[in-house]
Structure formats: C-alpha cells, structure tokens
Amino acid sequence: MRNVAPEAELLTLTRYPAAAVRDGDETDSHIVADETEPDLKVGERAAAVTRHRVLARPDADLWARSTLTANPGARLAVTATHDGFFAVVRGTGSVQVAGEDGDVAIAASAIYCCWLSGSLRDRELTVRAGRRALRLSLKFTPE
C-alpha cells in the first residue's frame, strides 16, 4: 500500500498487490501480509502481519505478540476481534480499533501510517482507500 501521512483526520491509501512492490520503491509504501501469505519474500518484507479470523481479546493479544516474535521484520500484528480489530505495535503498545468496515488490512495500514508519522494516539480517523471512505476509532495503550 502507498500512503499519505495522516494530516488532520484524513488518511489516503492506494492499494496494490505486494508482488508489484520492488526494492527501491518510494519510502511511503509498505506491505501488509496475511498470516497465510504463501510467498515468503512478501512475508519477510511486511510491515504488518494480519489475521482475518476473529479472536477474543486475550487470544488476540497472545496471537499478535507471538506473530511479532515469529516475524522480526514486522512492526505490527493486527487481528480481527468481535468489536473491530486489535493490534500490537512492536516496542510501542497496543491499539484497539472500532470501525464500520471489516478490512483488517486497511486497519493495519492506518495504524502503521499513524505510527510512522508519530501520530499514534487515541483518535478518530477517516481512511480513503479507493472509492471507500471508512471511519475508524483508534484507542492506543502505550507499553
């Protein structure tokens, strides 16, 4: 995904397949990979690892921390929960996300962009991804 840093409360994402990302691409792009990604190179380059299967909150925390241990290059791990999404950001804290959409990859990109820009905090955020505009509510808990 290619991103524009969240200014005010709007984040614009341009999504394209990870296979299209080449070394040397612009620095404002990142890869979000599902935990089942069969291409090892994609998984190794991922900034975020995601899981679509819904987990209860304690299991989500355990999965995210285990996933970061297993994927040392990833900055965050995000899974679906019963009330949205849950993420652990390496060395930073955790994020509970509530929103109107069930796309864990969009939630992962939004969290990553906020972390990258230094704006990861409790906040409301509108994410534009293609023709969709999604409203997300982030609740950040620092480590």
C-alpha atoms as a PDB file:
ATOM      1  CA  MET A   1       0.000   0.000   0.000  1.00  0.00           C
ATOM      2  CA  ARG A   2       1.108   3.526  -0.619  1.00  0.00           C
ATOM      3  CA  ASN A   3       0.089   6.071   1.948  1.00  0.00           C
ATOM      4  CA  VAL A   4      -0.113   9.754   2.637  1.00  0.00           C
ATOM      5  CA  ALA A   5       0.699  10.623   6.258  1.00  0.00           C
ATOM      6  CA  PRO A   6      -2.409  11.359   8.302  1.00  0.00           C
ATOM      7  CA  GLU A   7      -2.887  15.091   8.332  1.00  0.00           C
ATOM      8  CA  ALA A   8      -5.748  16.259  10.497  1.00  0.00           C
ATOM      9  CA  GLU A   9      -8.102  13.289  10.459  1.00  0.00           C
ATOM     10  CA  LEU A  10      -7.773  12.023   6.863  1.00  0.00           C
ATOM     11  CA  LEU A  11      -5.531   9.217   5.618  1.00  0.00           C
ATOM     12  CA  THR A  12      -5.455   8.311   1.922  1.00  0.00           C
ATOM     13  CA  LEU A  13      -4.262   4.822   0.917  1.00  0.00           C
ATOM     14  CA  THR A  14      -3.559   3.467  -2.544  1.00  0.00           C
ATOM     15  CA  ARG A  15      -3.653  -0.327  -2.541  1.00  0.00           C
ATOM     16  CA  TYR A  16      -1.862  -2.599  -4.971  1.00  0.00           C
ATOM     17  CA  PRO A  17      -0.545  -6.185  -4.850  1.00  0.00           C
ATOM     18  CA  ALA A  18       2.599  -6.794  -2.802  1.00  0.00           C
ATOM     19  CA  ALA A  19       4.145  -8.530  -5.806  1.00  0.00           C
ATOM     20  CA  ALA A  20       4.185  -5.135  -7.543  1.00  0.00           C
ATOM     21  CA  VAL A  21       6.443  -3.619  -4.850  1.00  0.00           C
ATOM     22  CA  ARG A  22      10.078  -3.550  -5.865  1.00  0.00           C
ATOM     23  CA  ASP A  23      13.184  -2.748  -3.863  1.00  0.00           C
ATOM     24  CA  GLY A  24      13.863   0.957  -4.167  1.00  0.00           C
ATOM     25  CA  ASP A  25      10.193   1.945  -4.407  1.00  0.00           C
ATOM     26  CA  GLU A  26       9.199   5.166  -2.695  1.00  0.00           C
ATOM     27  CA  THR A  27       9.648   5.210   1.070  1.00  0.00           C
ATOM     28  CA  ASP A  28       5.990   5.981   1.707  1.00  0.00           C
ATOM     29  CA  SER A  29       4.903   2.472   0.741  1.00  0.00           C
ATOM     30  CA  HIS A  30       4.568  -0.561   2.968  1.00  0.00           C
ATOM     31  CA  ILE A  31       3.455  -4.170   2.736  1.00  0.00           C
ATOM     32  CA  VAL A  32       0.615  -5.714   4.709  1.00  0.00           C
ATOM     33  CA  ALA A  33       0.684  -9.526   4.575  1.00  0.00           C
ATOM     34  CA  ASP A  34      -1.888 -12.004   5.792  1.00  0.00           C
ATOM     35  CA  GLU A  35      -0.518 -14.687   8.102  1.00  0.00           C
ATOM     36  CA  THR A  36      -1.309 -17.261   5.397  1.00  0.00           C
ATOM     37  CA  GLU A  37       0.763 -15.465   2.715  1.00  0.00           C
ATOM     38  CA  PRO A  38       2.467 -18.239   0.715  1.00  0.00           C
ATOM     39  CA  ASP A  39       5.211 -16.014  -0.750  1.00  0.00           C
ATOM     40  CA  LEU A  40       7.997 -15.918   1.845  1.00  0.00           C
ATOM     41  CA  LYS A  41       9.505 -12.752   0.337  1.00  0.00           C
ATOM     42  CA  VAL A  42       6.238 -10.882   0.870  1.00  0.00           C
ATOM     43  CA  GLY A  43       6.037 -12.079   4.466  1.00  0.00           C
ATOM     44  CA  GLU A  44       9.642 -11.118   5.159  1.00  0.00           C
ATOM     45  CA  ARG A  45       9.114  -7.589   3.798  1.00  0.00           C
ATOM     46  CA  ALA A  46       5.801  -6.984   5.555  1.00  0.00           C
ATOM     47  CA  ALA A  47       5.487  -4.016   7.889  1.00  0.00           C
ATOM     48  CA  ALA A  48       2.275  -5.555   9.207  1.00  0.00           C
ATOM     49  CA  VAL A  49       1.035  -9.120   9.528  1.00  0.00           C
ATOM     50  CA  THR A  50      -2.729  -9.627   9.675  1.00  0.00           C
ATOM     51  CA  ARG A  51      -5.238 -12.292  10.575  1.00  0.00           C
ATOM     52  CA  HIS A  52      -8.848 -12.249   9.362  1.00  0.00           C
ATOM     53  CA  ARG A  53     -10.193 -14.894  11.733  1.00  0.00           C
ATOM     54  CA  VAL A  54     -11.928 -13.292  14.715  1.00  0.00           C
ATOM     55  CA  LEU A  55     -10.261 -13.789  18.098  1.00  0.00           C
ATOM     56  CA  ALA A  56     -11.370 -12.886  21.616  1.00  0.00           C
ATOM     57  CA  ARG A  57      -9.338 -10.023  23.120  1.00  0.00           C
ATOM     58  CA  PRO A  58      -6.939 -12.138  25.283  1.00  0.00           C
ATOM     59  CA  ASP A  59      -6.303 -14.503  22.366  1.00  0.00           C
ATOM     60  CA  ALA A  60      -5.807 -11.539  20.022  1.00  0.00           C
ATOM     61  CA  ASP A  61      -3.087 -10.144  22.287  1.00  0.00           C
ATOM     62  CA  LEU A  62      -1.349 -13.529  22.506  1.00  0.00           C
ATOM     63  CA  TRP A  63      -1.559 -14.048  18.730  1.00  0.00           C
ATOM     64  CA  ALA A  64      -0.205 -10.558  17.969  1.00  0.00           C
ATOM     65  CA  ARG A  65       2.760 -10.881  20.327  1.00  0.00           C
ATOM     66  CA  SER A  66       3.583 -14.385  19.060  1.00  0.00           C
ATOM     67  CA  THR A  67       3.322 -13.171  15.474  1.00  0.00           C
ATOM     68  CA  LEU A  68       5.764 -10.322  16.106  1.00  0.00           C
ATOM     69  CA  THR A  69       8.197 -12.777  17.693  1.00  0.00           C
ATOM     70  CA  ALA A  70       7.917 -15.059  14.653  1.00  0.00           C
ATOM     71  CA  ASN A  71       8.230 -12.136  12.194  1.00  0.00           C
ATOM     72  CA  PRO A  72      11.111  -9.958  13.412  1.00  0.00           C
ATOM     73  CA  GLY A  73      10.857  -7.597  10.431  1.00  0.00           C
ATOM     74  CA  ALA A  74       7.225  -6.703  11.084  1.00  0.00           C
ATOM     75  CA  ARG A  75       6.383  -3.548  13.027  1.00  0.00           C
ATOM     76  CA  LEU A  76       2.834  -4.610  13.928  1.00  0.00           C
ATOM     77  CA  ALA A  77       0.418  -7.532  14.016  1.00  0.00           C
ATOM     78  CA  VAL A  78      -3.330  -6.958  13.641  1.00  0.00           C
ATOM     79  CA  THR A  79      -6.234  -9.367  14.023  1.00  0.00           C
ATOM     80  CA  ALA A  80      -9.995  -9.130  13.799  1.00  0.00           C
ATOM     81  CA  THR A  81     -11.888  -9.161  17.110  1.00  0.00           C
ATOM     82  CA  HIS A  82     -15.570  -9.291  17.995  1.00  0.00           C
ATOM     83  CA  ASP A  83     -15.718  -5.499  18.209  1.00  0.00           C
ATOM     84  CA  GLY A  84     -13.266  -4.452  15.482  1.00  0.00           C
ATOM     85  CA  PHE A  85      -9.528  -5.077  15.425  1.00  0.00           C
ATOM     86  CA  PHE A  86      -6.667  -5.406  17.875  1.00  0.00           C
ATOM     87  CA  ALA A  87      -3.019  -4.617  17.133  1.00  0.00           C
ATOM     88  CA  VAL A  88       0.294  -4.798  18.919  1.00  0.00           C
ATOM     89  CA  VAL A  89       2.929  -2.358  17.677  1.00  0.00           C
ATOM     90  CA  ARG A  90       6.452  -3.570  18.390  1.00  0.00           C
ATOM     91  CA  GLY A  91       8.075  -1.596  21.205  1.00  0.00           C
ATOM     92  CA  THR A  92       5.209   0.892  21.315  1.00  0.00           C
ATOM     93  CA  GLY A  93       1.950  -0.517  22.685  1.00  0.00           C
ATOM     94  CA  SER A  94      -1.399  -1.843  21.563  1.00  0.00           C
ATOM     95  CA  VAL A  95      -4.310  -0.409  19.611  1.00  0.00           C
ATOM     96  CA  GLN A  96      -7.994  -1.301  19.731  1.00  0.00           C
ATOM     97  CA  VAL A  97      -9.780  -0.245  16.536  1.00  0.00           C
ATOM     98  CA  ALA A  98     -13.515   0.190  16.132  1.00  0.00           C
ATOM     99  CA  GLY A  99     -14.929   0.955  12.725  1.00  0.00           C
ATOM    100  CA  GLU A 100     -17.521   0.368  10.098  1.00  0.00           C
ATOM    101  CA  ASP A 101     -15.513  -1.983   7.909  1.00  0.00           C
ATOM    102  CA  GLY A 102     -14.161  -5.476   8.345  1.00  0.00           C
ATOM    103  CA  ASP A 103     -10.963  -4.992   6.336  1.00  0.00           C
ATOM    104  CA  VAL A 104      -8.075  -5.850   8.629  1.00  0.00           C
ATOM    105  CA  ALA A 105      -5.510  -4.749   6.013  1.00  0.00           C
ATOM    106  CA  ILE A 106      -6.924  -1.217   5.954  1.00  0.00           C
ATOM    107  CA  ALA A 107      -6.873  -1.084   9.751  1.00  0.00           C
ATOM    108  CA  ALA A 108      -3.260  -2.318   9.728  1.00  0.00           C
ATOM    109  CA  SER A 109      -2.223   0.335   7.206  1.00  0.00           C
ATOM    110  CA  ALA A 110      -3.952   3.076   9.175  1.00  0.00           C
ATOM    111  CA  ILE A 111      -2.164   2.072  12.382  1.00  0.00           C
ATOM    112  CA  TYR A 112       1.176   1.781  10.588  1.00  0.00           C
ATOM    113  CA  CYS A 113       0.802   5.218   8.978  1.00  0.00           C
ATOM    114  CA  CYS A 114      -0.079   6.785  12.328  1.00  0.00           C
ATOM    115  CA  TRP A 115       2.951   5.137  13.948  1.00  0.00           C
ATOM    116  CA  LEU A 116       5.228   6.198  11.090  1.00  0.00           C
ATOM    117  CA  SER A 117       4.082   9.822  11.274  1.00  0.00           C
ATOM    118  CA  GLY A 118       4.319   9.965  15.077  1.00  0.00           C
ATOM    119  CA  SER A 119       0.564  10.421  15.427  1.00  0.00           C
ATOM    120  CA  LEU A 120      -0.370   7.083  17.021  1.00  0.00           C
ATOM    121  CA  ARG A 121      -2.752   8.072  19.812  1.00  0.00           C
ATOM    122  CA  ASP A 122      -6.438   7.916  20.708  1.00  0.00           C
ATOM    123  CA  ARG A 123      -8.082   9.405  17.635  1.00  0.00           C
ATOM    124  CA  GLU A 124     -10.826   9.297  15.055  1.00  0.00           C
ATOM    125  CA  LEU A 125      -9.600   8.812  11.516  1.00  0.00           C
ATOM    126  CA  THR A 126     -11.203   8.724   8.083  1.00  0.00           C
ATOM    127  CA  VAL A 127      -9.365   6.367   5.747  1.00  0.00           C
ATOM    128  CA  ARG A 128      -9.832   6.693   1.996  1.00  0.00           C
ATOM    129  CA  ALA A 129      -8.997   3.504   0.118  1.00  0.00           C
ATOM    130  CA  GLY A 130     -10.126   3.616  -3.477  1.00  0.00           C
ATOM    131  CA  ARG A 131     -13.740   4.718  -3.601  1.00  0.00           C
ATOM    132  CA  ARG A 132     -14.350   3.857   0.038  1.00  0.00           C
ATOM    133  CA  ALA A 133     -14.101   6.260   2.936  1.00  0.00           C
ATOM    134  CA  LEU A 134     -14.022   4.453   6.276  1.00  0.00           C
ATOM    135  CA  ARG A 135     -14.294   5.941   9.735  1.00  0.00           C
ATOM    136  CA  LEU A 136     -12.028   4.299  12.329  1.00  0.00           C
ATOM    137  CA  SER A 137     -11.683   4.975  16.031  1.00  0.00           C
ATOM    138  CA  LEU A 138      -8.258   4.154  17.497  1.00  0.00           C
ATOM    139  CA  LYS A 139      -7.708   3.572  21.219  1.00  0.00           C
ATOM    140  CA  PHE A 140      -3.963   3.493  21.925  1.00  0.00           C
ATOM    141  CA  THR A 141      -2.434   1.931  25.041  1.00  0.00           C
ATOM    142  CA  PRO A 142       1.317   2.599  25.369  1.00  0.00           C
ATOM    143  CA  GLU A 143       3.647  -0.089  26.744  1.00  0.00           C
END
